[in-house]
Amino acid sequence: MSLLIAVASVKGQTLTCPASITKPTNFLVIGGSGGDSLTACENTAAATTAGIAAGMNAVELDISLSKDLVIFLWNDPNPLNPGTVARSKGLFVNGLCRPQFKTIKNSRELVYSSIKKNYIYVDKNGKDQAATIPTLTEWMDAFAANAQLERIYVDVKEVDVSVAHYIVDYVFDKATALGVADKIRLLSADYSMTGALQTALGKRSLNINLASKTVGGEIGTVHIGDSSNYNPVGEASTECYDTVAVGQTASSWSWRGYQNIITRMLSSRDSIFSESGRYHAVVSWRINDVQKIAWLMCAGVDGIITDQVAKLSNLNLRKLMSLIKCCTEEDTLPCLPRFDSRIAGQGCSTKGISWNDDETNQCPLFDLDILYSGLKLKCKKQSFCPI
């Protein structure tokens, strides 16, 4: 049973997907965790200021909720979560600071004043950075109306569905007062919470597609094998998600698997838009390698959440100024046995990050191989070249 039907039956209301979902106006250079976390602690005003200066035109904020119902910018509301423990030790943190805790209590057990004392940011040497944890209201007052920001992705870390209506009302009351409600998109990694957010949006007569489920986690997204039937855009179409945010896979096929998933998603996105008028923006996260960024941009994603805001912005600006363009190149690997490392492993990406599998065909390994027991990969390179 689809999430939309399930939530509607619980809440006793009809949640209707809008007749059309629009495409972002521009390619989205999305500063992850509040902006540029390489030059300032994540989810702080300083990170947003640096991200805007570096050229981001969209931002992703992580929000948590305190016991006294203050929404504040923070990625890790539960200190005992395995991912949080890893991040507090500096693992899977690409930015300047890592979270640190003076308590094992989660954010819903602490009032905001206690959170500011017990949740801190430290540098790689463990030194307290004395960074201010802003409330969402403080952040929005300072930045939400900035004309450079086309979209504001609010990543809800709270998973208690009972507070979904409170969060939606809080966010959109403030956004409406500032005249920026059209910029807001809600994200959640939790399926039920996403449905609850959609229900709350419907209650306010807002489009339910403004809440979307993300795919992935702080540590990595796991897809086994080639994930040939995996297509998050199909789920987005069924559940009415505006955005399809998919984290880079940490599967047995690694980058090759992610390329295949992205290629399939983009084809599905375009088909659905052609058929229904609903455009599900495909956003990759969290991509920091420049070659991977270039491949994704040339493949056709709508935006990238990154820690390397300046590098992504620079590539996008050079493309807009017609200093570079997307170029393609094709090649075919020889007929290979199925156990060959290029078939079983990284495929065409063994030629380089900018290469991906384009076609896979059976082929004879020897003259009398009537069973065509081998495989031949047709490879495609997508990257920028100067004009």
Protein backbone atom coordinates (compact mmCIF):
# COMPACT_ATOMS: atom_id res chain seq x y z
CA MET A 1 0.00 0.00 0.00
CA SER A 2 1.41 3.39 -0.93
CA LEU A 3 2.44 5.83 1.76
CA LEU A 4 -0.07 8.42 0.53
CA ILE A 5 -3.01 6.05 0.87
CA ALA A 6 -1.80 4.79 4.24
CA VAL A 7 -1.42 8.25 5.75
CA ALA A 8 -4.68 9.49 4.27
CA SER A 9 -6.57 6.59 5.84
CA VAL A 10 -5.09 7.34 9.26
CA LYS A 11 -5.70 11.09 9.08
CA GLY A 12 -9.07 10.85 7.39
CA GLN A 13 -8.28 13.30 4.64
CA THR A 14 -7.50 13.18 0.93
CA LEU A 15 -3.98 14.04 -0.13
CA THR A 16 -3.94 14.97 -3.79
CA CYS A 17 -0.79 15.23 -5.83
CA PRO A 18 -0.74 18.49 -7.85
CA ALA A 19 -1.39 18.26 -11.57
CA SER A 20 2.08 19.60 -12.32
CA ILE A 21 5.39 19.79 -10.49
CA THR A 22 7.78 22.37 -11.87
CA LYS A 23 11.43 22.06 -12.77
CA PRO A 24 13.97 24.17 -10.86
CA THR A 25 14.72 27.41 -12.68
CA ASN A 26 18.48 26.88 -12.56
CA PHE A 27 20.94 24.10 -11.90
CA LEU A 28 21.09 23.89 -8.10
CA VAL A 29 24.45 24.42 -6.43
CA ILE A 30 23.41 23.25 -2.98
CA GLY A 31 25.60 23.94 0.02
CA GLY A 32 25.27 20.95 2.32
CA SER A 33 24.70 21.34 6.09
CA GLY A 34 24.03 25.05 5.95
CA GLY A 35 26.44 26.14 3.26
CA ASP A 36 30.23 25.99 3.13
CA SER A 37 31.22 23.69 6.00
CA LEU A 38 34.86 23.68 4.87
CA THR A 39 35.40 27.21 6.14
CA ALA A 40 32.93 27.28 9.06
CA CYS A 41 31.18 24.79 11.33
CA GLU A 42 28.23 23.07 9.67
CA ASN A 43 24.70 24.43 10.09
CA THR A 44 25.87 27.80 11.37
CA ALA A 45 25.32 31.33 10.13
CA ALA A 46 29.01 31.51 9.25
CA ALA A 47 28.68 28.44 7.00
CA THR A 48 25.75 30.03 5.16
CA THR A 49 27.57 33.33 4.74
CA ALA A 50 30.57 31.49 3.32
CA GLY A 51 28.36 29.36 1.05
CA ILE A 52 26.63 32.40 -0.43
CA ALA A 53 30.02 34.03 -1.01
CA ALA A 54 31.22 30.83 -2.70
CA GLY A 55 28.29 30.92 -5.13
CA MET A 56 25.64 28.50 -3.88
CA ASN A 57 22.12 29.20 -5.13
CA ALA A 58 20.45 26.72 -2.78
CA VAL A 59 21.12 25.38 0.69
CA GLU A 60 20.40 22.25 2.70
CA LEU A 61 19.75 22.73 6.42
CA ASP A 62 19.61 19.98 9.05
CA ILE A 63 17.05 20.68 11.75
CA SER A 64 16.34 19.09 15.12
CA LEU A 65 13.74 19.76 17.83
CA SER A 66 14.26 20.50 21.53
CA LYS A 67 12.09 19.56 24.51
CA ASP A 68 10.67 23.09 24.62
CA LEU A 69 9.83 22.81 20.89
CA VAL A 70 12.55 25.05 19.54
CA ILE A 71 13.62 24.07 16.02
CA PHE A 72 17.34 24.53 15.68
CA LEU A 73 20.04 23.75 13.13
CA TRP A 74 21.76 20.50 14.08
CA ASN A 75 22.36 17.24 12.23
CA ASP A 76 22.63 14.75 15.11
CA PRO A 77 19.76 14.86 17.63
CA ASN A 78 20.63 11.48 19.21
CA PRO A 79 24.19 11.28 20.61
CA LEU A 80 23.98 7.47 20.88
CA ASN A 81 23.05 6.89 17.24
CA PRO A 82 25.87 4.85 15.59
CA GLY A 83 26.18 7.37 12.78
CA THR A 84 26.37 10.20 15.29
CA VAL A 85 29.03 8.38 17.32
CA ALA A 86 31.09 7.95 14.14
CA ARG A 87 30.69 11.61 13.20
CA SER A 88 31.63 12.74 16.70
CA LYS A 89 34.92 10.90 16.21
CA GLY A 90 35.52 12.67 12.92
CA LEU A 91 34.39 9.89 10.59
CA PHE A 92 32.21 10.80 7.58
CA VAL A 93 32.72 14.49 8.33
CA ASN A 94 34.21 16.46 5.46
CA GLY A 95 33.98 19.90 7.00
CA LEU A 96 35.95 22.02 9.43
CA CYS A 97 34.15 20.86 12.58
CA ARG A 98 32.66 17.71 14.05
CA PRO A 99 29.83 17.44 16.57
CA GLN A 100 30.63 16.72 20.19
CA PHE A 101 28.37 16.01 23.18
CA LYS A 102 28.61 16.60 26.92
CA THR A 103 25.53 14.44 27.48
CA ILE A 104 23.97 11.25 26.17
CA LYS A 105 20.49 12.79 26.16
CA ASN A 106 18.83 13.31 22.81
CA SER A 107 17.53 16.73 21.78
CA ARG A 108 13.92 15.98 22.77
CA GLU A 109 15.07 15.49 26.36
CA LEU A 110 16.79 18.87 26.59
CA VAL A 111 15.51 22.43 26.43
CA TYR A 112 17.23 24.63 23.89
CA SER A 113 19.29 26.52 26.48
CA SER A 114 20.77 23.20 27.66
CA ILE A 115 21.41 22.08 24.08
CA LYS A 116 23.55 25.16 23.45
CA LYS A 117 25.68 24.18 26.47
CA ASN A 118 25.90 20.44 25.83
CA TYR A 119 25.98 20.16 22.02
CA ILE A 120 29.13 21.74 20.64
CA TYR A 121 31.44 21.73 17.64
CA VAL A 122 35.12 20.86 17.90
CA ASP A 123 37.95 20.90 15.39
CA LYS A 124 40.05 17.88 14.39
CA ASN A 125 42.11 18.30 17.56
CA GLY A 126 39.04 18.32 19.79
CA LYS A 127 39.14 22.06 20.55
CA ASP A 128 35.78 23.70 21.19
CA GLN A 129 35.04 26.12 18.36
CA ALA A 130 32.55 28.17 20.40
CA ALA A 131 30.16 28.07 17.45
CA THR A 132 26.61 29.31 17.95
CA ILE A 133 23.84 26.81 17.21
CA PRO A 134 21.14 28.96 15.59
CA THR A 135 17.41 28.47 15.80
CA LEU A 136 15.66 28.08 12.50
CA THR A 137 13.93 31.42 13.08
CA GLU A 138 17.29 33.16 13.54
CA TRP A 139 18.65 31.56 10.39
CA MET A 140 15.60 32.42 8.30
CA ASP A 141 15.56 36.03 9.51
CA ALA A 142 19.17 36.37 8.38
CA PHE A 143 19.20 34.41 5.12
CA ALA A 144 15.87 33.10 3.81
CA ALA A 145 15.04 36.24 1.82
CA ASN A 146 18.46 36.37 0.16
CA ALA A 147 17.73 36.67 -3.57
CA GLN A 148 20.65 34.37 -4.43
CA LEU A 149 18.96 31.40 -2.76
CA GLU A 150 16.48 29.75 -5.12
CA ARG A 151 15.66 26.81 -2.84
CA ILE A 152 15.99 26.03 0.84
CA TYR A 153 15.99 22.32 1.61
CA VAL A 154 15.03 21.71 5.24
CA ASP A 155 16.19 18.23 6.22
CA VAL A 156 14.06 17.14 9.18
CA LYS A 157 16.06 14.89 11.52
CA GLU A 158 13.14 14.41 13.93
CA VAL A 159 11.26 11.14 13.29
CA ASP A 160 8.38 11.52 15.78
CA VAL A 161 5.37 11.87 13.48
CA SER A 162 3.33 13.52 16.25
CA VAL A 163 5.30 16.74 15.79
CA ALA A 164 5.06 16.85 11.99
CA HIS A 165 2.20 19.38 12.01
CA TYR A 166 4.08 21.58 14.46
CA ILE A 167 7.19 21.56 12.25
CA VAL A 168 5.26 22.33 9.07
CA ASP A 169 3.32 25.16 10.73
CA TYR A 170 6.51 26.58 12.29
CA VAL A 171 8.48 26.49 9.03
CA PHE A 172 5.76 27.78 6.72
CA ASP A 173 4.41 30.43 9.09
CA LYS A 174 7.89 31.94 9.18
CA ALA A 175 8.52 31.44 5.47
CA THR A 176 5.18 33.05 4.58
CA ALA A 177 5.90 36.03 6.83
CA LEU A 178 9.21 36.51 5.00
CA GLY A 179 7.66 35.99 1.58
CA VAL A 180 9.80 32.94 0.78
CA ALA A 181 7.38 30.02 1.12
CA ASP A 182 7.98 29.08 -2.53
CA LYS A 183 11.64 28.37 -1.75
CA ILE A 184 10.99 25.78 0.96
CA ARG A 185 11.30 22.03 0.42
CA LEU A 186 11.11 19.55 3.30
CA LEU A 187 13.23 16.40 3.35
CA SER A 188 13.24 13.38 5.63
CA ALA A 189 15.07 10.06 5.57
CA ASP A 190 12.15 8.46 7.41
CA TYR A 191 9.27 7.07 5.34
CA SER A 192 6.57 7.61 7.95
CA MET A 193 7.79 11.09 8.85
CA THR A 194 7.71 12.07 5.18
CA GLY A 195 4.10 10.93 5.00
CA ALA A 196 3.24 12.84 8.16
CA LEU A 197 4.84 15.99 6.76
CA GLN A 198 2.77 15.57 3.60
CA THR A 199 -0.39 15.23 5.69
CA ALA A 200 0.49 18.42 7.54
CA LEU A 201 1.09 20.23 4.25
CA GLY A 202 -2.28 19.04 2.97
CA LYS A 203 -3.96 20.35 6.10
CA ARG A 204 -2.53 23.80 5.31
CA SER A 205 -3.73 23.48 1.68
CA LEU A 206 -0.12 23.38 0.52
CA ASN A 207 1.13 21.03 -2.18
CA ILE A 208 2.11 17.75 -0.56
CA ASN A 209 5.00 17.26 -2.99
CA LEU A 210 6.93 19.87 -0.97
CA ALA A 211 7.94 17.01 1.38
CA SER A 212 10.19 14.32 -0.06
CA LYS A 213 11.98 11.25 1.26
CA THR A 214 15.75 11.15 0.88
CA VAL A 215 17.59 7.97 -0.03
CA GLY A 216 20.81 7.35 1.84
CA GLY A 217 22.38 7.99 5.20
CA GLU A 218 25.18 9.80 6.95
CA ILE A 219 27.54 6.88 6.43
CA GLY A 220 26.46 5.63 3.01
CA THR A 221 23.73 4.24 0.83
CA VAL A 222 23.91 0.50 0.31
CA HIS A 223 22.72 -1.11 -2.92
CA ILE A 224 23.69 -4.70 -3.56
CA GLY A 225 24.99 -5.64 -7.01
CA ASP A 226 23.87 -3.62 -10.02
CA SER A 227 20.54 -2.60 -8.43
CA SER A 228 18.97 -3.02 -11.85
CA ASN A 229 15.41 -2.69 -10.52
CA TYR A 230 16.15 0.21 -8.21
CA ASN A 231 14.56 3.47 -9.33
CA PRO A 232 13.74 6.12 -6.66
CA VAL A 233 12.05 8.32 -9.28
CA GLY A 234 9.34 5.70 -9.61
CA GLU A 235 8.75 5.90 -5.86
CA ALA A 236 8.74 9.71 -6.05
CA SER A 237 6.06 9.56 -8.73
CA THR A 238 3.90 7.19 -6.69
CA GLU A 239 4.32 9.06 -3.41
CA CYS A 240 4.29 12.59 -4.92
CA TYR A 241 7.78 13.77 -3.98
CA ASP A 242 9.07 16.98 -5.54
CA THR A 243 12.71 16.05 -5.06
CA VAL A 244 14.56 12.76 -5.49
CA ALA A 245 17.68 13.17 -3.33
CA VAL A 246 19.89 10.09 -3.61
CA GLY A 247 23.16 9.66 -1.73
CA GLN A 248 26.21 8.22 -3.44
CA THR A 249 26.10 4.46 -3.13
CA ALA A 250 28.52 2.40 -1.10
CA SER A 251 27.49 -0.81 -2.83
CA SER A 252 29.44 -3.70 -4.28
CA TRP A 253 29.37 -1.79 -7.57
CA SER A 254 30.26 1.53 -5.92
CA TRP A 255 30.52 4.44 -8.39
CA ARG A 256 29.48 2.20 -11.29
CA GLY A 257 26.30 1.26 -9.46
CA TYR A 258 25.53 4.89 -8.66
CA GLN A 259 26.05 5.89 -12.29
CA ASN A 260 23.63 3.19 -13.44
CA ILE A 261 21.04 4.27 -10.87
CA ILE A 262 21.37 7.95 -11.83
CA THR A 263 21.12 7.16 -15.56
CA ARG A 264 17.95 5.13 -14.98
CA MET A 265 16.49 7.85 -12.76
CA LEU A 266 17.06 10.60 -15.31
CA SER A 267 15.40 8.61 -18.05
CA SER A 268 12.43 7.91 -15.77
CA ARG A 269 12.25 11.58 -14.70
CA ASP A 270 12.01 12.74 -18.31
CA SER A 271 9.42 10.11 -19.25
CA ILE A 272 7.19 10.93 -16.29
CA PHE A 273 7.41 14.66 -16.99
CA SER A 274 6.50 14.10 -20.64
CA GLU A 275 3.53 11.93 -19.69
CA SER A 276 2.16 13.71 -16.61
CA GLY A 277 3.67 17.18 -16.35
CA ARG A 278 5.21 16.31 -13.00
CA TYR A 279 8.93 17.00 -12.80
CA HIS A 280 10.79 15.17 -10.05
CA ALA A 281 14.09 16.98 -9.62
CA VAL A 282 17.01 14.57 -9.24
CA VAL A 283 19.54 15.76 -6.65
CA SER A 284 22.79 13.92 -5.87
CA TRP A 285 24.40 14.09 -2.48
CA ARG A 286 27.00 14.32 -1.01
CA ILE A 287 29.37 14.65 -3.95
CA ASN A 288 32.73 16.38 -3.50
CA ASP A 289 34.98 14.85 -6.19
CA VAL A 290 35.24 17.26 -9.15
CA GLN A 291 35.28 14.50 -11.77
CA LYS A 292 32.14 12.94 -10.29
CA ILE A 293 30.51 16.37 -10.14
CA ALA A 294 31.29 16.93 -13.83
CA TRP A 295 29.88 13.54 -14.82
CA LEU A 296 26.68 14.16 -12.87
CA MET A 297 26.19 17.63 -14.35
CA CYS A 298 26.69 16.33 -17.90
CA ALA A 299 24.44 13.33 -17.22
CA GLY A 300 21.66 15.80 -16.39
CA VAL A 301 21.00 15.91 -12.65
CA ASP A 302 19.12 18.98 -11.41
CA GLY A 303 21.38 19.75 -8.50
CA ILE A 304 24.18 18.51 -6.27
CA ILE A 305 24.50 18.79 -2.50
CA THR A 306 28.17 19.29 -1.80
CA ASP A 307 30.79 20.44 0.67
CA GLN A 308 32.82 21.80 -2.26
CA VAL A 309 30.55 24.75 -2.97
CA ALA A 310 33.19 26.91 -4.64
CA LYS A 311 34.30 24.15 -7.03
CA LEU A 312 30.73 23.22 -8.01
CA SER A 313 29.77 26.87 -8.43
CA ASN A 314 32.85 27.52 -10.57
CA LEU A 315 32.02 24.66 -12.92
CA ASN A 316 28.41 25.79 -13.20
CA LEU A 317 29.42 29.41 -13.85
CA ARG A 318 31.94 28.41 -16.53
CA LYS A 319 29.24 26.32 -18.20
CA LEU A 320 26.75 29.21 -18.11
CA MET A 321 29.39 31.52 -19.60
CA SER A 322 29.98 29.00 -22.42
CA LEU A 323 33.62 28.55 -21.44
CA ILE A 324 33.11 24.79 -21.17
CA LYS A 325 30.56 22.35 -22.54
CA CYS A 326 29.60 18.74 -21.99
CA CYS A 327 31.41 16.40 -24.35
CA THR A 328 30.86 12.70 -24.94
CA GLU A 329 33.10 9.93 -26.17
CA GLU A 330 32.33 6.27 -26.84
CA ASP A 331 34.40 3.11 -26.66
CA THR A 332 33.73 -0.62 -26.47
CA LEU A 333 35.52 -3.08 -24.24
CA PRO A 334 36.44 -6.44 -25.84
CA CYS A 335 34.26 -9.52 -25.31
CA LEU A 336 34.98 -10.56 -21.74
CA PRO A 337 34.09 -13.57 -19.58
CA ARG A 338 31.45 -12.81 -17.00
CA PHE A 339 33.90 -13.30 -14.14
CA ASP A 340 36.33 -10.71 -15.54
CA SER A 341 36.89 -7.94 -12.96
CA ARG A 342 35.64 -5.33 -15.42
CA ILE A 343 32.31 -7.19 -15.78
CA ALA A 344 31.90 -8.28 -12.17
CA GLY A 345 33.36 -5.07 -10.76
CA GLN A 346 33.58 -1.49 -11.95
CA GLY A 347 32.70 -1.97 -15.63
CA CYS A 348 33.37 1.02 -17.86
CA SER A 349 34.39 3.15 -14.89
CA THR A 350 37.67 1.21 -14.88
CA LYS A 351 38.53 3.55 -17.77
CA GLY A 352 38.04 6.52 -15.42
CA ILE A 353 35.40 8.21 -13.28
CA SER A 354 33.95 10.03 -16.30
CA TRP A 355 33.08 6.74 -18.04
CA ASN A 356 29.87 4.80 -17.49
CA ASP A 357 28.18 1.68 -18.89
CA ASP A 358 26.05 2.57 -21.90
CA GLU A 359 25.09 -0.88 -23.21
CA THR A 360 25.77 -4.48 -22.22
CA ASN A 361 25.51 -7.16 -24.92
CA GLN A 362 26.21 -10.87 -25.07
CA CYS A 363 29.08 -11.92 -27.31
CA PRO A 364 31.05 -15.10 -28.27
CA LEU A 365 34.28 -15.66 -26.36
CA PHE A 366 35.67 -17.89 -29.13
CA ASP A 367 34.81 -18.90 -32.71
CA LEU A 368 32.48 -21.77 -31.82
CA ASP A 369 30.85 -20.14 -28.81
CA ILE A 370 27.25 -20.56 -30.00
CA LEU A 371 25.95 -19.75 -26.50
CA TYR A 372 27.46 -16.26 -26.62
CA SER A 373 28.76 -16.75 -23.09
CA GLY A 374 30.72 -13.51 -22.93
CA LEU A 375 29.69 -9.88 -22.35
CA LYS A 376 30.74 -6.76 -24.21
CA LEU A 377 30.38 -3.34 -22.61
CA LYS A 378 29.75 -0.24 -24.68
CA CYS A 379 31.16 2.67 -22.70
CA LYS A 380 30.28 6.36 -22.71
CA LYS A 381 32.37 9.21 -21.37
CA GLN A 382 30.62 12.37 -20.15
CA SER A 383 32.70 15.30 -18.97
CA PHE A 384 33.43 18.96 -19.60
CA CYS A 385 35.72 20.16 -22.36
CA PRO A 386 36.75 23.72 -23.27
CA ILE A 387 34.94 25.64 -26.00
